[in-house]
């Protein structure tokens, strides 16, 4: 048994919110309370550790993360720069040390943030600095890519190549492909990129785990595909998986899951099945989020709606018959509306067929029509959101959505209506560091303090307790794991983090440099 005492413990358990000691046996918590009380409960060999007043919290969970892409992305060029010039300089530097014909990868560019203006970059700019290598750089949103001519040629993308369904090959005024690929058009190049092996993915995830532990993460909800799942299973079988992983299934695998009889919750405490993931629309940055009204700066553009609510309901119905919950990507107000319509039909179907009302989710919920804001709570749909998106996207949202941004990233609105919130990062779109997410949730400001002391649409700010709950209890609820994860209480898994400061009494700006000084998962220190 282990006894940690003289600690500042926030349990996130309403029955006992604060404690000074926690008693652990094996992988689980025996009790929380004070030192004398817990010593009387202990039996056998007892290891005691004086925590010297440090803060202990339940382990944090990122409720939306692409683990394979994040792990492999640690080796990519960081293209999240303030200027296009700096992004190109980094690509040129990598090209100098890359053998001819070998692919060069990068991630994170956002033309809307470049000081040169919001013009799209072009293949020719990459051709100059990397003439001997195919180059493929994904945008921060992961809904656009920037490729050079070599990469386009390998993919046989030419000016006369037709746009794929739900995708756009961007072209200039004379009809030539510019090198920018939007949404499903990205797959044209992705299909010719050499696939990483399961072994490569496994090693990348294993190497990425310590980065996540340092950020205070003990669990994630993974939204990558089959290869990620296979790598995770191998790590788990070898005893090397040291994160709790709720694994979501892509909608194009729904038929296979149905035939196999997979259902939500199948697995164990380390790796279990979550929801079926579908995409309703694109993203804000490339103007592909599906909107009721046109973008403020593009009067003819309402984004891309991948399907309507009726079409989505057909997937929902099949998932429900298999016992699988649904998790749907929706950014724009039109996309969110269509998903809520489908979920309303789904709730009726579940009742009619005497099926359990599963925990369905909408991922991102970035902007809503006012009429749709109350529907999450009414339908018991989880709002799975990423607070770090708000400061990143606020200027673009103001330019592209205008006054509609009053209900963008509207966490307070959802909480006030009574919806369940689960918070994540969408890494590698953003950093998976939950302390950056907490800062965004309680301040709605960028690290430099912009746009003001009050923050962007400050009426949507959360308290620290509310934001922290979405990274713990809320994420656990979304993963059907609220009886074992998300709080420090009797018989819960002993997943916790130790902080040198009390996040409830510190200046929120200090969150920007915070990290865990120790992380425990299943009663074992993975970081000290």
Protein backbone atom coordinates (compact mmCIF):
# COMPACT_ATOMS: atom_id res chain seq x y z
CA UNK A 1 0.00 0.00 0.00
CA UNK A 2 1.05 3.61 -0.60
CA UNK A 3 0.05 6.60 1.50
CA UNK A 4 0.60 10.12 0.19
CA UNK A 5 0.01 12.73 2.88
CA UNK A 6 0.52 16.45 3.60
CA UNK A 7 -0.90 17.11 0.14
CA UNK A 8 -3.31 19.66 -1.30
CA UNK A 9 -5.72 17.24 -2.98
CA UNK A 10 -8.60 18.28 -5.21
CA UNK A 11 -10.55 15.06 -5.65
CA UNK A 12 -13.26 16.37 -8.05
CA UNK A 13 -15.58 14.16 -6.01
CA UNK A 14 -18.61 16.15 -4.85
CA UNK A 15 -18.89 14.00 -1.72
CA UNK A 16 -15.40 14.99 -0.56
CA UNK A 17 -13.92 17.78 -2.72
CA UNK A 18 -10.76 18.30 -0.66
CA UNK A 19 -8.38 16.01 1.21
CA UNK A 20 -4.81 15.94 2.49
CA UNK A 21 -4.00 12.26 2.02
CA UNK A 22 -4.74 9.38 -0.35
CA UNK A 23 -4.30 5.65 0.24
CA UNK A 24 -3.57 3.40 -2.76
CA UNK A 25 -3.37 -0.38 -3.08
CA UNK A 26 -2.29 -1.85 -6.39
CA UNK A 27 -3.94 0.03 -9.23
CA UNK A 28 -6.79 1.54 -7.21
CA UNK A 29 -7.55 4.11 -4.56
CA UNK A 30 -8.60 2.71 -1.21
CA UNK A 31 -9.64 6.01 0.35
CA UNK A 32 -8.98 9.75 0.51
CA UNK A 33 -9.03 11.79 3.71
CA UNK A 34 -6.42 12.76 6.28
CA UNK A 35 -3.24 10.93 7.29
CA UNK A 36 -4.42 9.55 10.64
CA UNK A 37 -7.71 8.31 9.24
CA UNK A 38 -6.07 6.52 6.32
CA UNK A 39 -3.27 4.97 8.40
CA UNK A 40 -5.95 3.19 10.41
CA UNK A 41 -7.27 1.64 7.19
CA UNK A 42 -3.89 0.41 6.00
CA UNK A 43 -2.68 -3.14 6.47
CA UNK A 44 0.51 -4.92 5.53
CA UNK A 45 3.54 -3.00 4.29
CA UNK A 46 2.82 0.72 3.97
CA UNK A 47 4.96 3.13 1.94
CA UNK A 48 4.50 6.69 3.15
CA UNK A 49 5.42 9.80 1.19
CA UNK A 50 5.25 13.36 2.47
CA UNK A 51 4.03 15.48 -0.47
CA UNK A 52 5.20 18.71 1.23
CA UNK A 53 2.02 20.60 0.40
CA UNK A 54 2.08 19.91 -3.32
CA UNK A 55 -1.19 19.79 -5.25
CA UNK A 56 -2.63 16.46 -6.41
CA UNK A 57 -5.31 16.26 -9.09
CA UNK A 58 -6.98 13.37 -10.91
CA UNK A 59 -5.08 12.54 -14.10
CA UNK A 60 -6.24 14.66 -17.03
CA UNK A 61 -7.73 13.22 -20.22
CA UNK A 62 -7.58 14.67 -23.72
CA UNK A 63 -11.02 13.87 -25.11
CA UNK A 64 -10.03 14.40 -28.76
CA UNK A 65 -6.55 13.53 -29.95
CA UNK A 66 -5.04 11.91 -33.05
CA UNK A 67 -2.37 9.83 -31.36
CA UNK A 68 -0.70 8.33 -34.43
CA UNK A 69 -0.53 11.70 -36.18
CA UNK A 70 0.68 13.45 -33.04
CA UNK A 71 3.37 10.85 -32.37
CA UNK A 72 4.62 10.72 -35.96
CA UNK A 73 4.32 14.50 -36.15
CA UNK A 74 7.00 14.95 -33.52
CA UNK A 75 9.43 14.23 -36.37
CA UNK A 76 7.83 16.66 -38.85
CA UNK A 77 8.84 20.26 -39.60
CA UNK A 78 7.01 22.65 -37.28
CA UNK A 79 5.23 24.94 -39.75
CA UNK A 80 3.30 26.92 -37.15
CA UNK A 81 5.13 30.18 -37.85
CA UNK A 82 4.20 33.84 -37.81
CA UNK A 83 5.41 34.34 -41.37
CA UNK A 84 5.35 32.32 -44.56
CA UNK A 85 9.01 33.22 -45.00
CA UNK A 86 9.95 31.45 -41.76
CA UNK A 87 7.95 28.37 -42.75
CA UNK A 88 9.77 28.23 -46.08
CA UNK A 89 13.12 28.70 -44.34
CA UNK A 90 12.44 25.65 -42.16
CA UNK A 91 11.50 23.57 -45.17
CA UNK A 92 14.67 24.69 -46.99
CA UNK A 93 16.77 23.71 -43.95
CA UNK A 94 15.22 20.24 -43.87
CA UNK A 95 15.68 19.85 -47.64
CA UNK A 96 19.43 20.44 -47.30
CA UNK A 97 19.72 17.32 -45.15
CA UNK A 98 17.21 15.10 -46.95
CA UNK A 99 18.34 12.68 -49.68
CA UNK A 100 16.87 13.29 -53.15
CA UNK A 101 13.42 11.77 -53.79
CA UNK A 102 12.76 11.31 -50.06
CA UNK A 103 9.53 12.88 -48.80
CA UNK A 104 9.60 16.01 -46.61
CA UNK A 105 6.71 16.44 -44.19
CA UNK A 106 5.58 19.36 -42.09
CA UNK A 107 2.52 20.44 -40.16
CA UNK A 108 0.94 23.52 -38.65
CA UNK A 109 0.87 26.32 -41.26
CA UNK A 110 -2.06 28.73 -41.18
CA UNK A 111 -2.10 31.38 -43.87
CA UNK A 112 -4.60 33.42 -41.85
CA UNK A 113 -1.94 33.97 -39.17
CA UNK A 114 0.95 34.94 -41.44
CA UNK A 115 2.02 38.57 -41.23
CA UNK A 116 2.25 38.68 -45.02
CA UNK A 117 -1.54 38.37 -45.18
CA UNK A 118 -4.05 35.58 -45.66
CA UNK A 119 -3.13 34.63 -49.24
CA UNK A 120 -2.77 30.91 -49.90
CA UNK A 121 0.81 29.66 -50.53
CA UNK A 122 1.73 27.88 -53.76
CA UNK A 123 3.60 24.82 -54.99
CA UNK A 124 6.10 26.98 -56.87
CA UNK A 125 7.34 28.50 -53.59
CA UNK A 126 8.22 25.02 -52.37
CA UNK A 127 9.69 24.01 -55.73
CA UNK A 128 12.38 26.69 -55.43
CA UNK A 129 13.66 25.50 -52.04
CA UNK A 130 13.10 21.73 -52.41
CA UNK A 131 13.49 20.91 -56.11
CA UNK A 132 14.63 17.33 -55.52
CA UNK A 133 12.05 16.17 -52.95
CA UNK A 134 8.29 15.75 -52.79
CA UNK A 135 6.99 18.06 -50.06
CA UNK A 136 3.67 17.70 -48.22
CA UNK A 137 2.74 20.15 -45.46
CA UNK A 138 -0.55 19.80 -43.61
CA UNK A 139 -2.34 22.92 -42.39
CA UNK A 140 -2.96 23.47 -38.70
CA UNK A 141 -6.61 22.55 -39.23
CA UNK A 142 -5.69 19.23 -40.90
CA UNK A 143 -8.33 20.15 -43.49
CA UNK A 144 -5.89 21.55 -46.06
CA UNK A 145 -2.47 20.61 -47.42
CA UNK A 146 0.28 22.42 -49.32
CA UNK A 147 2.20 20.26 -51.79
CA UNK A 148 4.99 21.00 -54.23
CA UNK A 149 4.99 20.05 -57.91
CA UNK A 150 7.00 16.89 -57.28
CA UNK A 151 4.36 15.63 -54.83
CA UNK A 152 1.52 16.58 -57.19
CA UNK A 153 3.22 14.77 -60.06
CA UNK A 154 3.65 11.60 -58.02
CA UNK A 155 -0.05 11.78 -57.18
CA UNK A 156 -0.90 12.50 -60.83
CA UNK A 157 -2.70 15.68 -59.82
CA UNK A 158 -2.81 18.01 -62.80
CA UNK A 159 -4.76 21.11 -63.71
CA UNK A 160 -7.41 19.02 -65.43
CA UNK A 161 -7.80 16.53 -62.54
CA UNK A 162 -11.43 16.70 -61.39
CA UNK A 163 -12.22 17.66 -57.81
CA UNK A 164 -13.03 14.58 -55.72
CA UNK A 165 -16.31 14.38 -53.83
CA UNK A 166 -16.21 16.71 -50.79
CA UNK A 167 -12.82 18.08 -51.82
CA UNK A 168 -11.25 20.90 -53.81
CA UNK A 169 -8.04 21.07 -55.85
CA UNK A 170 -7.38 24.78 -55.63
CA UNK A 171 -6.66 26.44 -58.97
CA UNK A 172 -5.41 29.89 -59.97
CA UNK A 173 -7.14 32.32 -62.32
CA UNK A 174 -5.80 30.47 -65.35
CA UNK A 175 -7.03 27.09 -64.08
CA UNK A 176 -3.66 25.68 -62.95
CA UNK A 177 -3.47 23.63 -59.73
CA UNK A 178 -1.82 25.83 -57.08
CA UNK A 179 -0.58 23.09 -54.76
CA UNK A 180 -3.33 23.63 -52.15
CA UNK A 181 -5.62 20.66 -51.53
CA UNK A 182 -8.76 21.00 -49.43
CA UNK A 183 -10.60 18.26 -47.53
CA UNK A 184 -10.86 14.94 -49.45
CA UNK A 185 -8.52 16.26 -52.18
CA UNK A 186 -5.70 15.77 -49.68
CA UNK A 187 -6.17 12.03 -50.07
CA UNK A 188 -4.94 12.23 -53.66
CA UNK A 189 -1.42 12.85 -52.35
CA UNK A 190 -1.78 10.87 -49.13
CA UNK A 191 -2.40 7.72 -51.21
CA UNK A 192 1.07 7.92 -52.78
CA UNK A 193 2.95 8.67 -49.54
CA UNK A 194 4.69 5.55 -48.19
CA UNK A 195 2.67 4.23 -45.26
CA UNK A 196 4.45 3.97 -41.90
CA UNK A 197 4.55 0.40 -40.65
CA UNK A 198 2.65 -0.68 -37.54
CA UNK A 199 6.06 -1.12 -35.91
CA UNK A 200 6.99 2.48 -36.74
CA UNK A 201 3.71 3.77 -35.36
CA UNK A 202 4.10 1.68 -32.22
CA UNK A 203 7.59 3.06 -31.53
CA UNK A 204 6.40 6.62 -32.23
CA UNK A 205 3.52 6.27 -29.74
CA UNK A 206 5.80 4.74 -27.13
CA UNK A 207 8.21 7.68 -27.53
CA UNK A 208 5.34 10.18 -27.36
CA UNK A 209 3.91 8.90 -24.06
CA UNK A 210 6.42 10.70 -21.82
CA UNK A 211 5.60 14.02 -23.52
CA UNK A 212 1.94 13.49 -22.64
CA UNK A 213 2.68 12.42 -19.04
CA UNK A 214 4.70 15.61 -18.55
CA UNK A 215 1.62 17.55 -19.68
CA UNK A 216 -0.44 15.85 -16.97
CA UNK A 217 -2.28 13.50 -19.33
CA UNK A 218 -3.09 10.01 -18.13
CA UNK A 219 -5.72 9.25 -20.78
CA UNK A 220 -6.83 10.12 -24.29
CA UNK A 221 -9.72 9.56 -26.67
CA UNK A 222 -8.00 8.56 -29.90
CA UNK A 223 -9.55 9.43 -33.28
CA UNK A 224 -7.00 7.83 -35.60
CA UNK A 225 -7.71 4.76 -37.62
CA UNK A 226 -6.92 1.03 -37.93
CA UNK A 227 -3.12 1.29 -37.88
CA UNK A 228 -3.21 3.31 -34.68
CA UNK A 229 -5.52 0.72 -33.10
CA UNK A 230 -3.22 -2.13 -34.11
CA UNK A 231 -0.17 -0.34 -32.73
CA UNK A 232 -2.01 0.34 -29.47
CA UNK A 233 -3.03 -3.30 -29.16
CA UNK A 234 0.58 -4.41 -29.62
CA UNK A 235 1.82 -1.93 -27.03
CA UNK A 236 -0.88 -3.12 -24.64
CA UNK A 237 0.00 -6.79 -25.19
CA UNK A 238 3.65 -5.98 -24.43
CA UNK A 239 2.74 -4.06 -21.27
CA UNK A 240 4.06 -0.82 -22.77
CA UNK A 241 0.78 1.07 -23.11
CA UNK A 242 0.78 3.52 -20.22
CA UNK A 243 -2.17 5.71 -21.15
CA UNK A 244 -5.90 5.02 -20.85
CA UNK A 245 -7.16 4.98 -24.44
CA UNK A 246 -10.78 5.24 -25.53
CA UNK A 247 -10.54 4.15 -29.19
CA UNK A 248 -12.98 5.51 -31.74
CA UNK A 249 -13.83 3.74 -35.00
CA UNK A 250 -14.04 5.48 -38.41
CA UNK A 251 -17.49 5.41 -39.96
CA UNK A 252 -16.20 3.57 -43.03
CA UNK A 253 -15.39 0.65 -40.70
CA UNK A 254 -18.93 0.54 -39.30
CA UNK A 255 -19.95 -2.45 -41.41
CA UNK A 256 -16.92 -4.43 -40.20
CA UNK A 257 -17.60 -3.49 -36.59
CA UNK A 258 -21.26 -4.49 -37.02
CA UNK A 259 -20.31 -7.88 -38.48
CA UNK A 260 -17.81 -8.51 -35.68
CA UNK A 261 -20.29 -7.49 -32.99
CA UNK A 262 -18.06 -4.76 -31.54
CA UNK A 263 -19.88 -2.42 -29.18
CA UNK A 264 -19.07 0.71 -27.23
CA UNK A 265 -17.17 -0.09 -24.02
CA UNK A 266 -15.64 -3.38 -25.20
CA UNK A 267 -12.09 -3.73 -23.89
CA UNK A 268 -10.44 -3.21 -20.53
CA UNK A 269 -9.21 -0.40 -18.30
CA UNK A 270 -6.37 0.45 -20.71
CA UNK A 271 -7.92 0.20 -24.16
CA UNK A 272 -11.62 0.13 -25.01
CA UNK A 273 -14.00 0.91 -27.85
CA UNK A 274 -15.59 4.35 -27.93
CA UNK A 275 -17.80 5.69 -30.70
CA UNK A 276 -18.16 5.57 -34.47
CA UNK A 277 -16.62 8.75 -35.89
CA UNK A 278 -18.20 10.53 -38.88
CA UNK A 279 -17.43 13.87 -40.55
CA UNK A 280 -20.20 16.34 -41.28
CA UNK A 281 -18.11 19.20 -42.67
CA UNK A 282 -14.64 20.76 -42.91
CA UNK A 283 -12.98 23.54 -40.92
CA UNK A 284 -12.97 27.29 -40.36
CA UNK A 285 -9.56 28.16 -41.83
CA UNK A 286 -10.07 26.77 -45.35
CA UNK A 287 -13.73 27.97 -45.41
CA UNK A 288 -15.04 24.38 -45.59
CA UNK A 289 -17.09 24.40 -42.36
CA UNK A 290 -20.74 24.13 -43.43
CA UNK A 291 -22.66 27.34 -42.69
CA UNK A 292 -26.29 28.45 -43.02
CA UNK A 293 -25.19 31.82 -44.35
CA UNK A 294 -22.10 32.58 -46.48
CA UNK A 295 -18.71 33.44 -45.07
CA UNK A 296 -18.40 37.18 -44.43
CA UNK A 297 -15.40 37.46 -46.76
CA UNK A 298 -16.68 34.99 -49.39
CA UNK A 299 -20.33 35.75 -50.29
CA UNK A 300 -20.71 32.69 -52.53
CA UNK A 301 -19.26 30.18 -50.06
CA UNK A 302 -21.24 28.30 -47.41
CA UNK A 303 -18.63 25.57 -46.90
CA UNK A 304 -18.88 21.84 -47.59
CA UNK A 305 -21.62 19.68 -46.06
CA UNK A 306 -20.58 16.05 -46.45
CA UNK A 307 -24.11 14.71 -45.95
CA UNK A 308 -27.44 15.81 -44.53
CA UNK A 309 -29.08 14.71 -41.30
CA UNK A 310 -31.08 11.94 -42.99
CA UNK A 311 -27.96 10.37 -44.46
CA UNK A 312 -26.17 10.59 -41.12
CA UNK A 313 -29.16 8.98 -39.38
CA UNK A 314 -28.73 5.87 -41.54
CA UNK A 315 -25.23 5.44 -40.08
CA UNK A 316 -26.56 6.22 -36.60
CA UNK A 317 -29.27 3.59 -36.91
CA UNK A 318 -26.81 0.88 -37.91
CA UNK A 319 -24.44 1.87 -35.10
CA UNK A 320 -27.29 1.81 -32.57
CA UNK A 321 -28.26 -1.70 -33.67
CA UNK A 322 -24.69 -2.79 -32.91
CA UNK A 323 -24.55 -1.00 -29.55
CA UNK A 324 -22.12 1.65 -30.82
CA UNK A 325 -22.44 5.33 -29.93
CA UNK A 326 -21.82 8.06 -32.53
CA UNK A 327 -19.25 10.84 -32.50
CA UNK A 328 -19.59 13.37 -35.31
CA UNK A 329 -17.22 16.14 -36.41
CA UNK A 330 -19.20 19.36 -36.88
CA UNK A 331 -17.70 22.86 -37.07
CA UNK A 332 -20.18 25.14 -38.85
CA UNK A 333 -23.68 26.06 -37.63
CA UNK A 334 -25.32 24.17 -40.52
CA UNK A 335 -23.25 21.04 -39.82
CA UNK A 336 -24.10 21.09 -36.11
CA UNK A 337 -27.79 21.57 -36.95
CA UNK A 338 -27.83 18.56 -39.28
CA UNK A 339 -26.08 16.37 -36.68
CA UNK A 340 -28.54 17.39 -33.98
CA UNK A 341 -31.41 16.58 -36.34
CA UNK A 342 -29.93 13.12 -36.92
CA UNK A 343 -29.42 12.60 -33.18
CA UNK A 344 -33.02 13.64 -32.53
CA UNK A 345 -34.15 10.89 -34.93
CA UNK A 346 -31.69 8.52 -33.27
CA UNK A 347 -33.15 9.13 -29.81
CA UNK A 348 -36.61 8.27 -31.16
CA UNK A 349 -35.21 5.17 -32.84
CA UNK A 350 -33.48 4.03 -29.62
CA UNK A 351 -36.77 4.40 -27.73
CA UNK A 352 -38.84 2.72 -30.44
CA UNK A 353 -36.50 -0.29 -30.64
CA UNK A 354 -35.99 -0.46 -26.88
CA UNK A 355 -32.25 0.20 -27.34
CA UNK A 356 -30.08 1.91 -24.72
CA UNK A 357 -29.73 5.67 -25.07
CA UNK A 358 -25.99 5.77 -25.70
CA UNK A 359 -23.66 8.72 -25.15
CA UNK A 360 -23.45 10.39 -28.52
CA UNK A 361 -21.06 13.27 -29.10
CA UNK A 362 -20.46 16.18 -31.41
CA UNK A 363 -16.79 16.94 -31.86
CA UNK A 364 -15.73 20.62 -31.94
CA UNK A 365 -19.15 22.38 -31.85
CA UNK A 366 -17.33 25.49 -33.03
CA UNK A 367 -20.29 27.70 -33.96
CA UNK A 368 -24.02 27.22 -33.42
CA UNK A 369 -27.24 28.75 -34.62
CA UNK A 370 -28.99 30.20 -31.53
CA UNK A 371 -31.94 27.80 -31.96
CA UNK A 372 -29.60 24.80 -31.68
CA UNK A 373 -27.74 25.83 -28.52
CA UNK A 374 -30.27 24.23 -26.08
CA UNK A 375 -30.56 20.98 -28.02
CA UNK A 376 -27.37 19.35 -26.67
CA UNK A 377 -28.77 19.21 -23.15
CA UNK A 378 -32.27 18.32 -24.35
CA UNK A 379 -30.99 15.37 -26.39
CA UNK A 380 -28.26 14.46 -23.87
CA UNK A 381 -25.57 14.94 -26.53
CA UNK A 382 -22.03 15.52 -25.29
CA UNK A 383 -20.33 18.72 -26.45
CA UNK A 384 -16.77 17.50 -27.05
CA UNK A 385 -14.83 20.73 -27.46
CA UNK A 386 -11.27 22.04 -27.57
CA UNK A 387 -10.84 25.30 -25.64
CA UNK A 388 -7.41 25.96 -27.14
CA UNK A 389 -9.13 26.48 -30.53
CA UNK A 390 -10.83 29.67 -29.33
CA UNK A 391 -7.74 31.90 -28.93
CA UNK A 392 -6.13 30.32 -31.99
CA UNK A 393 -9.14 30.95 -34.21
CA UNK A 394 -10.68 34.11 -32.75
CA UNK A 395 -9.44 36.60 -35.36
CA UNK A 396 -10.30 34.29 -38.26
CA UNK A 397 -13.73 33.62 -36.72
CA UNK A 398 -14.39 37.36 -36.45
CA UNK A 399 -13.39 37.87 -40.09
CA UNK A 400 -15.21 34.88 -41.54
CA UNK A 401 -18.26 34.53 -39.26
CA UNK A 402 -18.75 38.07 -37.94
CA UNK A 403 -21.48 38.37 -35.32
CA UNK A 404 -22.11 34.62 -35.48
CA UNK A 405 -18.95 34.27 -33.34
CA UNK A 406 -21.04 35.20 -30.28
CA UNK A 407 -21.96 31.48 -30.22
CA UNK A 408 -18.52 30.24 -31.27
CA UNK A 409 -16.65 28.00 -28.79
CA UNK A 410 -19.58 28.69 -26.47
CA UNK A 411 -18.69 26.53 -23.47
CA UNK A 412 -20.55 28.64 -20.91
CA UNK A 413 -23.73 28.54 -23.01
CA UNK A 414 -23.60 24.74 -23.14
CA UNK A 415 -22.88 24.41 -19.43
CA UNK A 416 -25.70 26.78 -18.53
CA UNK A 417 -28.15 24.72 -20.57
CA UNK A 418 -26.98 21.59 -18.73
CA UNK A 419 -24.98 19.82 -21.42
CA UNK A 420 -22.03 17.56 -20.64
CA UNK A 421 -18.68 19.05 -21.67
CA UNK A 422 -15.60 16.97 -22.54
CA UNK A 423 -12.42 18.89 -23.36
CA UNK A 424 -9.47 17.96 -25.57
CA UNK A 425 -7.03 19.49 -28.03
CA UNK A 426 -7.46 17.88 -31.47
CA UNK A 427 -3.67 17.40 -31.43
CA UNK A 428 -1.71 17.70 -33.64
CA UNK A 429 -4.00 20.56 -34.74
CA UNK A 430 -3.14 22.16 -31.39
CA UNK A 431 -0.79 21.27 -28.58
CA UNK A 432 -2.21 18.47 -26.42
CA UNK A 433 -1.05 20.37 -23.31
CA UNK A 434 -4.22 20.62 -21.18
CA UNK A 435 -2.80 23.51 -19.16
CA UNK A 436 -2.88 25.60 -22.34
CA UNK A 437 -6.49 24.49 -22.77
CA UNK A 438 -7.31 25.45 -19.18
CA UNK A 439 -5.76 28.88 -19.76
CA UNK A 440 -7.91 29.33 -22.87
CA UNK A 441 -11.06 28.18 -21.05
CA UNK A 442 -10.71 30.56 -18.10
CA UNK A 443 -9.28 33.60 -19.95
CA UNK A 444 -10.29 33.32 -23.66
CA UNK A 445 -7.00 35.06 -24.37
CA UNK A 446 -3.88 34.22 -26.32
CA UNK A 447 -0.59 33.83 -24.41
CA UNK A 448 0.32 37.41 -25.41
CA UNK A 449 -2.82 38.71 -23.67
CA UNK A 450 -4.76 39.55 -26.82
CA UNK A 451 -7.43 40.52 -27.59
CA UNK A 452 -7.93 42.23 -24.21
CA UNK A 453 -7.83 41.72 -20.45
CA UNK A 454 -11.46 40.57 -20.56
CA UNK A 455 -10.83 38.06 -23.34
CA UNK A 456 -12.74 37.23 -26.52
CA UNK A 457 -16.49 37.01 -25.87
CA UNK A 458 -15.75 36.87 -22.13
CA UNK A 459 -19.30 35.79 -21.30
CA UNK A 460 -18.24 32.31 -22.47
CA UNK A 461 -15.39 31.94 -19.96
CA UNK A 462 -15.43 29.11 -17.40
CA UNK A 463 -14.22 28.88 -13.84
CA UNK A 464 -11.16 26.74 -13.16
CA UNK A 465 -13.32 24.10 -11.48
CA UNK A 466 -15.65 23.90 -14.50
CA UNK A 467 -12.80 23.70 -17.01
CA UNK A 468 -10.90 21.11 -14.98
CA UNK A 469 -14.05 19.00 -14.70
CA UNK A 470 -14.29 18.82 -18.51
CA UNK A 471 -10.75 17.35 -18.65
CA UNK A 472 -11.53 14.81 -15.91
CA UNK A 473 -15.12 13.87 -14.99
CA UNK A 474 -16.52 15.13 -18.30
CA UNK A 475 -14.03 13.18 -20.38
CA UNK A 476 -14.64 10.08 -18.25
CA UNK A 477 -18.40 10.38 -18.75
CA UNK A 478 -17.95 10.71 -22.52
CA UNK A 479 -15.91 7.49 -22.47
CA UNK A 480 -18.39 5.54 -20.30
CA UNK A 481 -15.69 5.40 -17.64
CA UNK A 482 -17.05 7.74 -14.96
CA UNK A 483 -17.15 4.91 -12.40
CA UNK A 484 -13.40 4.34 -12.59
CA UNK A 485 -11.83 7.55 -13.95
CA UNK A 486 -12.12 11.32 -13.55
CA UNK A 487 -11.94 11.72 -9.78
CA UNK A 488 -9.94 10.60 -6.76
CA UNK A 489 -12.32 8.45 -4.76
CA UNK A 490 -12.68 4.98 -3.27
CA UNK A 491 -12.16 2.16 -5.79
CA UNK A 492 -11.28 4.55 -8.65
CA UNK A 493 -8.16 3.86 -10.66
CA UNK A 494 -5.10 5.48 -9.11
CA UNK A 495 -4.41 7.91 -11.97
CA UNK A 496 -3.18 11.22 -10.61
CA UNK A 497 -0.79 14.09 -11.22
CA UNK A 498 1.32 16.17 -8.86
CA UNK A 499 1.78 19.90 -9.38
CA UNK A 500 4.19 22.24 -7.61
CA UNK A 501 1.55 25.00 -7.57
CA UNK A 502 -2.14 25.23 -6.75
CA UNK A 503 -3.95 25.97 -10.02
CA UNK A 504 -6.96 27.27 -8.07
CA UNK A 505 -5.02 30.10 -6.45
CA UNK A 506 -2.42 31.02 -9.09
CA UNK A 507 -2.43 33.68 -11.79
CA UNK A 508 -3.99 32.01 -14.88
CA UNK A 509 -1.02 33.15 -16.98
CA UNK A 510 1.17 30.77 -14.97
CA UNK A 511 -0.76 27.90 -16.55
CA UNK A 512 1.14 28.63 -19.77
CA UNK A 513 4.37 27.26 -18.29
CA UNK A 514 2.88 24.62 -15.99
CA UNK A 515 3.62 20.91 -16.23
CA UNK A 516 3.23 17.89 -14.00
CA UNK A 517 6.12 17.25 -11.64
CA UNK A 518 4.93 13.64 -11.25
CA UNK A 519 2.34 11.46 -12.97
CA UNK A 520 0.89 8.19 -11.70
CA UNK A 521 -1.17 5.75 -13.76
CA UNK A 522 -2.65 2.63 -12.21
CA UNK A 523 -0.76 3.15 -8.96
CA UNK A 524 2.65 3.34 -10.67
CA UNK A 525 4.74 6.44 -11.23
CA UNK A 526 5.34 6.87 -14.95
CA UNK A 527 6.93 10.29 -14.41
CA UNK A 528 8.74 11.58 -11.33
